[in-house]
């Protein structure tokens, strides 16, 4: 089983910083854990700086930002991308 972390965020830099710190400090048994941060188009500068400077030592980091404001439902539904043809959420 592969584990990945997908985070949907908008304009909550302080809360996001606490979450990212907790995730970074967690022990993953040496496994590679990809992390994806999904942001809406109207993200504040503090959050953009935070995700841009965030170092994820446990695997690849992907940043996604919508071009058009989508809202929470779209952000959540678009945060999952299948990694292969036979994949489930």
PDB file of N, CA and C in Angstrom:
ATOM      1  N   UNK A   1       0.839  -1.163   0.000  1.00  0.00           N
ATOM      2  CA  UNK A   1       0.000   0.000   0.000  1.00  0.00           C
ATOM      3  C   UNK A   1       0.893   1.237   0.000  1.00  0.00           C
ATOM      4  N   UNK A   2       0.523   2.214  -0.830  1.00  0.00           N
ATOM      5  CA  UNK A   2       1.232   3.501  -0.865  1.00  0.00           C
ATOM      6  C   UNK A   2       0.402   4.563  -0.183  1.00  0.00           C
ATOM      7  N   UNK A   3       1.059   5.357   0.613  1.00  0.00           N
ATOM      8  CA  UNK A   3       0.387   6.461   1.305  1.00  0.00           C
ATOM      9  C   UNK A   3       0.869   7.766   0.696  1.00  0.00           C
ATOM     10  N   UNK A   4      -0.061   8.682   0.494  1.00  0.00           N
ATOM     11  CA  UNK A   4       0.298  10.031   0.052  1.00  0.00           C
ATOM     12  C   UNK A   4      -0.512  11.020   0.893  1.00  0.00           C
ATOM     13  N   UNK A   5      -0.016  12.239   0.965  1.00  0.00           N
ATOM     14  CA  UNK A   5      -0.688  13.297   1.721  1.00  0.00           C
ATOM     15  C   UNK A   5      -1.153  14.350   0.725  1.00  0.00           C
ATOM     16  N   UNK A   6      -2.456  14.638   0.744  1.00  0.00           N
ATOM     17  CA  UNK A   6      -3.039  15.675  -0.108  1.00  0.00           C
ATOM     18  C   UNK A   6      -3.697  16.712   0.787  1.00  0.00           C
ATOM     19  N   UNK A   7      -3.274  17.967   0.629  1.00  0.00           N
ATOM     20  CA  UNK A   7      -3.778  19.047   1.477  1.00  0.00           C
ATOM     21  C   UNK A   7      -4.475  20.077   0.594  1.00  0.00           C
ATOM     22  N   UNK A   8      -5.686  20.446   0.988  1.00  0.00           N
ATOM     23  CA  UNK A   8      -6.425  21.517   0.328  1.00  0.00           C
ATOM     24  C   UNK A   8      -6.380  22.712   1.273  1.00  0.00           C
ATOM     25  N   UNK A   9      -5.920  23.859   0.771  1.00  0.00           N
ATOM     26  CA  UNK A   9      -5.779  25.021   1.647  1.00  0.00           C
ATOM     27  C   UNK A   9      -6.156  26.305   0.919  1.00  0.00           C
ATOM     28  N   UNK A  10      -6.604  27.270   1.695  1.00  0.00           N
ATOM     29  CA  UNK A  10      -6.838  28.616   1.163  1.00  0.00           C
ATOM     30  C   UNK A  10      -6.772  29.623   2.305  1.00  0.00           C
ATOM     31  N   UNK A  11      -5.790  30.506   2.229  1.00  0.00           N
ATOM     32  CA  UNK A  11      -5.677  31.663   3.120  1.00  0.00           C
ATOM     33  C   UNK A  11      -5.643  31.307   4.611  1.00  0.00           C
ATOM     34  N   UNK A  12      -4.942  30.256   4.960  1.00  0.00           N
ATOM     35  CA  UNK A  12      -4.790  29.881   6.378  1.00  0.00           C
ATOM     36  C   UNK A  12      -3.351  29.516   6.653  1.00  0.00           C
ATOM     37  N   UNK A  13      -2.455  30.439   6.455  1.00  0.00           N
ATOM     38  CA  UNK A  13      -1.023  30.171   6.551  1.00  0.00           C
ATOM     39  C   UNK A  13      -0.628  29.654   7.932  1.00  0.00           C
ATOM     40  N   UNK A  14      -1.171  30.223   9.006  1.00  0.00           N
ATOM     41  CA  UNK A  14      -0.787  29.787  10.353  1.00  0.00           C
ATOM     42  C   UNK A  14      -1.212  28.349  10.624  1.00  0.00           C
ATOM     43  N   UNK A  15      -2.452  28.015  10.299  1.00  0.00           N
ATOM     44  CA  UNK A  15      -2.930  26.643  10.484  1.00  0.00           C
ATOM     45  C   UNK A  15      -2.155  25.674   9.602  1.00  0.00           C
ATOM     46  N   UNK A  16      -1.901  26.077   8.372  1.00  0.00           N
ATOM     47  CA  UNK A  16      -1.148  25.237   7.450  1.00  0.00           C
ATOM     48  C   UNK A  16       0.276  25.012   7.953  1.00  0.00           C
ATOM     49  N   UNK A  17       0.895  26.036   8.504  1.00  0.00           N
ATOM     50  CA  UNK A  17       2.254  25.905   9.045  1.00  0.00           C
ATOM     51  C   UNK A  17       2.289  24.878  10.173  1.00  0.00           C
ATOM     52  N   UNK A  18       1.293  24.896  11.062  1.00  0.00           N
ATOM     53  CA  UNK A  18       1.226  23.910  12.151  1.00  0.00           C
ATOM     54  C   UNK A  18       1.055  22.499  11.593  1.00  0.00           C
ATOM     55  N   UNK A  19       0.174  22.352  10.604  1.00  0.00           N
ATOM     56  CA  UNK A  19      -0.047  21.044   9.989  1.00  0.00           C
ATOM     57  C   UNK A  19       1.221  20.522   9.330  1.00  0.00           C
ATOM     58  N   UNK A  20       1.889  21.370   8.544  1.00  0.00           N
ATOM     59  CA  UNK A  20       3.095  20.947   7.846  1.00  0.00           C
ATOM     60  C   UNK A  20       4.213  20.578   8.817  1.00  0.00           C
ATOM     61  N   UNK A  21       4.310  21.307   9.914  1.00  0.00           N
ATOM     62  CA  UNK A  21       5.317  20.983  10.929  1.00  0.00           C
ATOM     63  C   UNK A  21       5.038  19.612  11.534  1.00  0.00           C
ATOM     64  N   UNK A  22       3.778  19.350  11.866  1.00  0.00           N
ATOM     65  CA  UNK A  22       3.409  18.050  12.430  1.00  0.00           C
ATOM     66  C   UNK A  22       3.678  16.918  11.448  1.00  0.00           C
ATOM     67  N   UNK A  23       3.306  17.121  10.192  1.00  0.00           N
ATOM     68  CA  UNK A  23       3.542  16.088   9.177  1.00  0.00           C
ATOM     69  C   UNK A  23       5.031  15.856   8.960  1.00  0.00           C
ATOM     70  N   UNK A  24       5.814  16.916   8.966  1.00  0.00           N
ATOM     71  CA  UNK A  24       7.263  16.783   8.768  1.00  0.00           C
ATOM     72  C   UNK A  24       7.919  16.024   9.909  1.00  0.00           C
ATOM     73  N   UNK A  25       7.428  16.230  11.121  1.00  0.00           N
ATOM     74  CA  UNK A  25       8.024  15.600  12.293  1.00  0.00           C
ATOM     75  C   UNK A  25       7.559  14.162  12.519  1.00  0.00           C
ATOM     76  N   UNK A  26       6.562  13.719  11.776  1.00  0.00           N
ATOM     77  CA  UNK A  26       6.049  12.358  11.940  1.00  0.00           C
ATOM     78  C   UNK A  26       7.082  11.340  11.439  1.00  0.00           C
ATOM     79  N   UNK A  27       6.976  10.125  11.947  1.00  0.00           N
ATOM     80  CA  UNK A  27       7.881   9.040  11.551  1.00  0.00           C
ATOM     81  C   UNK A  27       7.147   8.136  10.572  1.00  0.00           C
ATOM     82  N   UNK A  28       7.695   7.960   9.386  1.00  0.00           N
ATOM     83  CA  UNK A  28       7.048   7.208   8.321  1.00  0.00           C
ATOM     84  C   UNK A  28       7.747   5.892   8.011  1.00  0.00           C
ATOM     85  N   UNK A  29       8.512   5.365   8.965  1.00  0.00           N
ATOM     86  CA  UNK A  29       9.178   4.070   8.822  1.00  0.00           C
ATOM     87  C   UNK A  29      10.115   4.022   7.624  1.00  0.00           C
ATOM     88  N   UNK A  30      10.608   5.168   7.205  1.00  0.00           N
ATOM     89  CA  UNK A  30      11.524   5.218   6.075  1.00  0.00           C
ATOM     90  C   UNK A  30      10.852   5.170   4.713  1.00  0.00           C
ATOM     91  N   UNK A  31       9.522   5.083   4.693  1.00  0.00           N
ATOM     92  CA  UNK A  31       8.798   5.047   3.422  1.00  0.00           C
ATOM     93  C   UNK A  31       8.805   6.411   2.750  1.00  0.00           C
ATOM     94  N   UNK A  32       8.734   6.407   1.425  1.00  0.00           N
ATOM     95  CA  UNK A  32       8.587   7.653   0.675  1.00  0.00           C
ATOM     96  C   UNK A  32       7.118   8.042   0.694  1.00  0.00           C
ATOM     97  N   UNK A  33       6.850   9.257   1.126  1.00  0.00           N
ATOM     98  CA  UNK A  33       5.481   9.765   1.229  1.00  0.00           C
ATOM     99  C   UNK A  33       5.368  11.033   0.389  1.00  0.00           C
ATOM    100  N   UNK A  34       4.744  10.952  -0.791  1.00  0.00           N
ATOM    101  CA  UNK A  34       4.544  12.164  -1.583  1.00  0.00           C
ATOM    102  C   UNK A  34       3.523  13.090  -0.909  1.00  0.00           C
ATOM    103  N   UNK A  35       3.744  14.394  -1.055  1.00  0.00           N
ATOM    104  CA  UNK A  35       2.802  15.373  -0.510  1.00  0.00           C
ATOM    105  C   UNK A  35       2.382  16.322  -1.634  1.00  0.00           C
ATOM    106  N   UNK A  36       1.087  16.634  -1.672  1.00  0.00           N
ATOM    107  CA  UNK A  36       0.548  17.564  -2.661  1.00  0.00           C
ATOM    108  C   UNK A  36      -0.227  18.645  -1.930  1.00  0.00           C
ATOM    109  N   UNK A  37       0.064  19.890  -2.263  1.00  0.00           N
ATOM    110  CA  UNK A  37      -0.655  21.032  -1.691  1.00  0.00           C
ATOM    111  C   UNK A  37      -1.494  21.658  -2.801  1.00  0.00           C
ATOM    112  N   UNK A  38      -2.811  21.677  -2.599  1.00  0.00           N
ATOM    113  CA  UNK A  38      -3.765  22.203  -3.566  1.00  0.00           C
ATOM    114  C   UNK A  38      -4.280  23.551  -3.084  1.00  0.00           C
ATOM    115  N   UNK A  39      -4.083  24.587  -3.911  1.00  0.00           N
ATOM    116  CA  UNK A  39      -4.482  25.943  -3.542  1.00  0.00           C
ATOM    117  C   UNK A  39      -5.463  26.491  -4.561  1.00  0.00           C
ATOM    118  N   UNK A  40      -6.379  27.332  -4.105  1.00  0.00           N
ATOM    119  CA  UNK A  40      -7.310  27.991  -5.008  1.00  0.00           C
ATOM    120  C   UNK A  40      -6.627  29.209  -5.632  1.00  0.00           C
ATOM    121  N   UNK A  41      -7.279  29.849  -6.569  1.00  0.00           N
ATOM    122  CA  UNK A  41      -6.651  30.949  -7.318  1.00  0.00           C
ATOM    123  C   UNK A  41      -6.419  32.195  -6.463  1.00  0.00           C
ATOM    124  N   UNK A  42      -7.240  32.418  -5.466  1.00  0.00           N
ATOM    125  CA  UNK A  42      -7.136  33.640  -4.662  1.00  0.00           C
ATOM    126  C   UNK A  42      -6.392  33.390  -3.351  1.00  0.00           C
ATOM    127  N   UNK A  43      -5.294  32.680  -3.448  1.00  0.00           N
ATOM    128  CA  UNK A  43      -4.485  32.370  -2.270  1.00  0.00           C
ATOM    129  C   UNK A  43      -3.748  33.612  -1.800  1.00  0.00           C
ATOM    130  N   UNK A  44      -3.613  33.777  -0.486  1.00  0.00           N
ATOM    131  CA  UNK A  44      -2.894  34.935   0.039  1.00  0.00           C
ATOM    132  C   UNK A  44      -1.374  34.729  -0.069  1.00  0.00           C
ATOM    133  N   UNK A  45      -0.651  35.827  -0.025  1.00  0.00           N
ATOM    134  CA  UNK A  45       0.809  35.791  -0.213  1.00  0.00           C
ATOM    135  C   UNK A  45       1.523  34.990   0.867  1.00  0.00           C
ATOM    136  N   UNK A  46       1.030  35.050   2.098  1.00  0.00           N
ATOM    137  CA  UNK A  46       1.677  34.316   3.188  1.00  0.00           C
ATOM    138  C   UNK A  46       1.632  32.812   2.934  1.00  0.00           C
ATOM    139  N   UNK A  47       0.505  32.319   2.441  1.00  0.00           N
ATOM    140  CA  UNK A  47       0.382  30.880   2.153  1.00  0.00           C
ATOM    141  C   UNK A  47       1.241  30.502   0.956  1.00  0.00           C
ATOM    142  N   UNK A  48       1.273  31.341  -0.059  1.00  0.00           N
ATOM    143  CA  UNK A  48       2.098  31.067  -1.242  1.00  0.00           C
ATOM    144  C   UNK A  48       3.567  30.991  -0.845  1.00  0.00           C
ATOM    145  N   UNK A  49       4.028  31.912  -0.014  1.00  0.00           N
ATOM    146  CA  UNK A  49       5.424  31.875   0.450  1.00  0.00           C
ATOM    147  C   UNK A  49       5.697  30.621   1.275  1.00  0.00           C
ATOM    148  N   UNK A  50       4.751  30.281   2.147  1.00  0.00           N
ATOM    149  CA  UNK A  50       4.912  29.101   3.001  1.00  0.00           C
ATOM    150  C   UNK A  50       5.055  27.829   2.178  1.00  0.00           C
ATOM    151  N   UNK A  51       4.149  27.578   1.254  1.00  0.00           N
ATOM    152  CA  UNK A  51       4.225  26.331   0.490  1.00  0.00           C
ATOM    153  C   UNK A  51       5.432  26.327  -0.446  1.00  0.00           C
ATOM    154  N   UNK A  52       5.817  27.498  -0.937  1.00  0.00           N
ATOM    155  CA  UNK A  52       6.988  27.578  -1.809  1.00  0.00           C
ATOM    156  C   UNK A  52       8.287  27.273  -1.086  1.00  0.00           C
ATOM    157  N   UNK A  53       8.368  27.673   0.169  1.00  0.00           N
ATOM    158  CA  UNK A  53       9.606  27.480   0.929  1.00  0.00           C
ATOM    159  C   UNK A  53       9.607  26.190   1.749  1.00  0.00           C
ATOM    160  N   UNK A  54       8.474  25.515   1.811  1.00  0.00           N
ATOM    161  CA  UNK A  54       8.355  24.306   2.628  1.00  0.00           C
ATOM    162  C   UNK A  54       9.211  23.182   2.051  1.00  0.00           C
ATOM    163  N   UNK A  55      10.054  22.613   2.906  1.00  0.00           N
ATOM    164  CA  UNK A  55      10.903  21.488   2.509  1.00  0.00           C
ATOM    165  C   UNK A  55      10.290  20.208   3.039  1.00  0.00           C
ATOM    166  N   UNK A  56       9.976  19.273   2.154  1.00  0.00           N
ATOM    167  CA  UNK A  56       9.369  18.004   2.529  1.00  0.00           C
ATOM    168  C   UNK A  56      10.418  16.905   2.393  1.00  0.00           C
ATOM    169  N   UNK A  57      10.976  16.441   3.508  1.00  0.00           N
ATOM    170  CA  UNK A  57      12.085  15.490   3.462  1.00  0.00           C
ATOM    171  C   UNK A  57      11.669  14.044   3.221  1.00  0.00           C
ATOM    172  N   UNK A  58      10.371  13.769   3.146  1.00  0.00           N
ATOM    173  CA  UNK A  58       9.898  12.383   3.088  1.00  0.00           C
ATOM    174  C   UNK A  58       9.532  11.909   1.688  1.00  0.00           C
ATOM    175  N   UNK A  59       9.728  12.736   0.664  1.00  0.00           N
ATOM    176  CA  UNK A  59       9.384  12.341  -0.702  1.00  0.00           C
ATOM    177  C   UNK A  59       9.133  13.556  -1.564  1.00  0.00           C
ATOM    178  N   UNK A  60       8.545  13.333  -2.741  1.00  0.00           N
ATOM    179  CA  UNK A  60       8.296  14.452  -3.655  1.00  0.00           C
ATOM    180  C   UNK A  60       7.191  15.380  -3.147  1.00  0.00           C
ATOM    181  N   UNK A  61       7.339  16.666  -3.477  1.00  0.00           N
ATOM    182  CA  UNK A  61       6.350  17.694  -3.129  1.00  0.00           C
ATOM    183  C   UNK A  61       5.778  18.249  -4.424  1.00  0.00           C
ATOM    184  N   UNK A  62       4.447  18.307  -4.510  1.00  0.00           N
ATOM    185  CA  UNK A  62       3.769  18.857  -5.678  1.00  0.00           C
ATOM    186  C   UNK A  62       2.894  20.014  -5.228  1.00  0.00           C
ATOM    187  N   UNK A  63       2.961  21.127  -5.951  1.00  0.00           N
ATOM    188  CA  UNK A  63       2.109  22.282  -5.683  1.00  0.00           C
ATOM    189  C   UNK A  63       1.137  22.440  -6.844  1.00  0.00           C
ATOM    190  N   UNK A  64      -0.148  22.595  -6.521  1.00  0.00           N
ATOM    191  CA  UNK A  64      -1.163  22.824  -7.554  1.00  0.00           C
ATOM    192  C   UNK A  64      -1.961  24.052  -7.156  1.00  0.00           C
ATOM    193  N   UNK A  65      -2.172  24.925  -8.142  1.00  0.00           N
ATOM    194  CA  UNK A  65      -2.947  26.141  -7.889  1.00  0.00           C
ATOM    195  C   UNK A  65      -3.929  26.348  -9.026  1.00  0.00           C
ATOM    196  N   UNK A  66      -5.205  26.487  -8.666  1.00  0.00           N
ATOM    197  CA  UNK A  66      -6.245  26.696  -9.680  1.00  0.00           C
ATOM    198  C   UNK A  66      -6.069  28.056 -10.345  1.00  0.00           C
ATOM    199  N   UNK A  67      -6.438  28.140 -11.598  1.00  0.00           N
ATOM    200  CA  UNK A  67      -6.405  29.402 -12.340  1.00  0.00           C
ATOM    201  C   UNK A  67      -7.668  30.208 -12.059  1.00  0.00           C
ATOM    202  N   UNK A  68      -8.792  29.512 -11.970  1.00  0.00           N
ATOM    203  CA  UNK A  68     -10.086  30.140 -11.714  1.00  0.00           C
ATOM    204  C   UNK A  68     -10.568  29.707 -10.334  1.00  0.00           C
ATOM    205  N   UNK A  69     -11.139  30.642  -9.566  1.00  0.00           N
ATOM    206  CA  UNK A  69     -11.664  30.318  -8.243  1.00  0.00           C
ATOM    207  C   UNK A  69     -12.667  29.187  -8.359  1.00  0.00           C
ATOM    208  N   UNK A  70     -12.506  28.145  -7.557  1.00  0.00           N
ATOM    209  CA  UNK A  70     -13.378  26.987  -7.678  1.00  0.00           C
ATOM    210  C   UNK A  70     -14.224  26.695  -6.463  1.00  0.00           C
ATOM    211  N   UNK A  71     -13.800  27.124  -5.292  1.00  0.00           N
ATOM    212  CA  UNK A  71     -14.540  26.814  -4.082  1.00  0.00           C
ATOM    213  C   UNK A  71     -14.130  25.475  -3.491  1.00  0.00           C
ATOM    214  N   UNK A  72     -14.672  25.183  -2.323  1.00  0.00           N
ATOM    215  CA  UNK A  72     -14.256  24.009  -1.562  1.00  0.00           C
ATOM    216  C   UNK A  72     -14.595  22.690  -2.255  1.00  0.00           C
ATOM    217  N   UNK A  73     -15.794  22.554  -2.779  1.00  0.00           N
ATOM    218  CA  UNK A  73     -16.201  21.287  -3.408  1.00  0.00           C
ATOM    219  C   UNK A  73     -15.279  20.940  -4.576  1.00  0.00           C
ATOM    220  N   UNK A  74     -15.016  21.896  -5.441  1.00  0.00           N
ATOM    221  CA  UNK A  74     -14.102  21.641  -6.559  1.00  0.00           C
ATOM    222  C   UNK A  74     -12.689  21.371  -6.071  1.00  0.00           C
ATOM    223  N   UNK A  75     -12.238  22.105  -5.076  1.00  0.00           N
ATOM    224  CA  UNK A  75     -10.879  21.917  -4.562  1.00  0.00           C
ATOM    225  C   UNK A  75     -10.694  20.503  -4.030  1.00  0.00           C
ATOM    226  N   UNK A  76     -11.680  20.015  -3.290  1.00  0.00           N
ATOM    227  CA  UNK A  76     -11.586  18.666  -2.731  1.00  0.00           C
ATOM    228  C   UNK A  76     -11.672  17.627  -3.838  1.00  0.00           C
ATOM    229  N   UNK A  77     -12.638  17.759  -4.737  1.00  0.00           N
ATOM    230  CA  UNK A  77     -12.798  16.747  -5.788  1.00  0.00           C
ATOM    231  C   UNK A  77     -11.619  16.739  -6.763  1.00  0.00           C
ATOM    232  N   UNK A  78     -10.985  17.881  -6.974  1.00  0.00           N
ATOM    233  CA  UNK A  78      -9.851  17.937  -7.890  1.00  0.00           C
ATOM    234  C   UNK A  78      -8.517  17.636  -7.208  1.00  0.00           C
ATOM    235  N   UNK A  79      -8.529  17.388  -5.918  1.00  0.00           N
ATOM    236  CA  UNK A  79      -7.273  17.132  -5.218  1.00  0.00           C
ATOM    237  C   UNK A  79      -6.780  15.704  -5.416  1.00  0.00           C
ATOM    238  N   UNK A  80      -7.616  14.837  -5.933  1.00  0.00           N
ATOM    239  CA  UNK A  80      -7.218  13.444  -6.162  1.00  0.00           C
ATOM    240  C   UNK A  80      -6.987  13.213  -7.651  1.00  0.00           C
ATOM    241  N   UNK A  81      -5.793  12.774  -7.977  1.00  0.00           N
ATOM    242  CA  UNK A  81      -5.425  12.427  -9.344  1.00  0.00           C
ATOM    243  C   UNK A  81      -4.964  10.976  -9.343  1.00  0.00           C
ATOM    244  N   UNK A  82      -5.554  10.114 -10.176  1.00  0.00           N
ATOM    245  CA  UNK A  82      -5.092   8.721 -10.192  1.00  0.00           C
ATOM    246  C   UNK A  82      -3.645   8.631 -10.661  1.00  0.00           C
ATOM    247  N   UNK A  83      -2.879   7.800  -9.993  1.00  0.00           N
ATOM    248  CA  UNK A  83      -1.468   7.628 -10.355  1.00  0.00           C
ATOM    249  C   UNK A  83      -1.271   6.585 -11.435  1.00  0.00           C
ATOM    250  N   UNK A  84      -2.286   5.771 -11.663  1.00  0.00           N
ATOM    251  CA  UNK A  84      -2.218   4.746 -12.700  1.00  0.00           C
ATOM    252  C   UNK A  84      -3.645   4.446 -13.151  1.00  0.00           C
ATOM    253  N   UNK A  85      -3.782   3.640 -14.192  1.00  0.00           N
ATOM    254  CA  UNK A  85      -5.119   3.377 -14.723  1.00  0.00           C
ATOM    255  C   UNK A  85      -6.024   2.669 -13.721  1.00  0.00           C
ATOM    256  N   UNK A  86      -5.474   1.819 -12.884  1.00  0.00           N
ATOM    257  CA  UNK A  86      -6.250   1.116 -11.884  1.00  0.00           C
ATOM    258  C   UNK A  86      -5.846   1.669 -10.521  1.00  0.00           C
ATOM    259  N   UNK A  87      -6.563   2.695 -10.083  1.00  0.00           N
ATOM    260  CA  UNK A  87      -6.237   3.351  -8.828  1.00  0.00           C
ATOM    261  C   UNK A  87      -7.514   3.783  -8.153  1.00  0.00           C
ATOM    262  N   UNK A  88      -7.548   3.800  -6.827  1.00  0.00           N
ATOM    263  CA  UNK A  88      -8.761   4.214  -6.120  1.00  0.00           C
ATOM    264  C   UNK A  88      -8.386   5.177  -5.009  1.00  0.00           C
ATOM    265  N   UNK A  89      -9.340   5.981  -4.623  1.00  0.00           N
ATOM    266  CA  UNK A  89      -9.112   6.977  -3.567  1.00  0.00           C
ATOM    267  C   UNK A  89      -9.194   6.339  -2.205  1.00  0.00           C
TER     268      UNK A  89
END
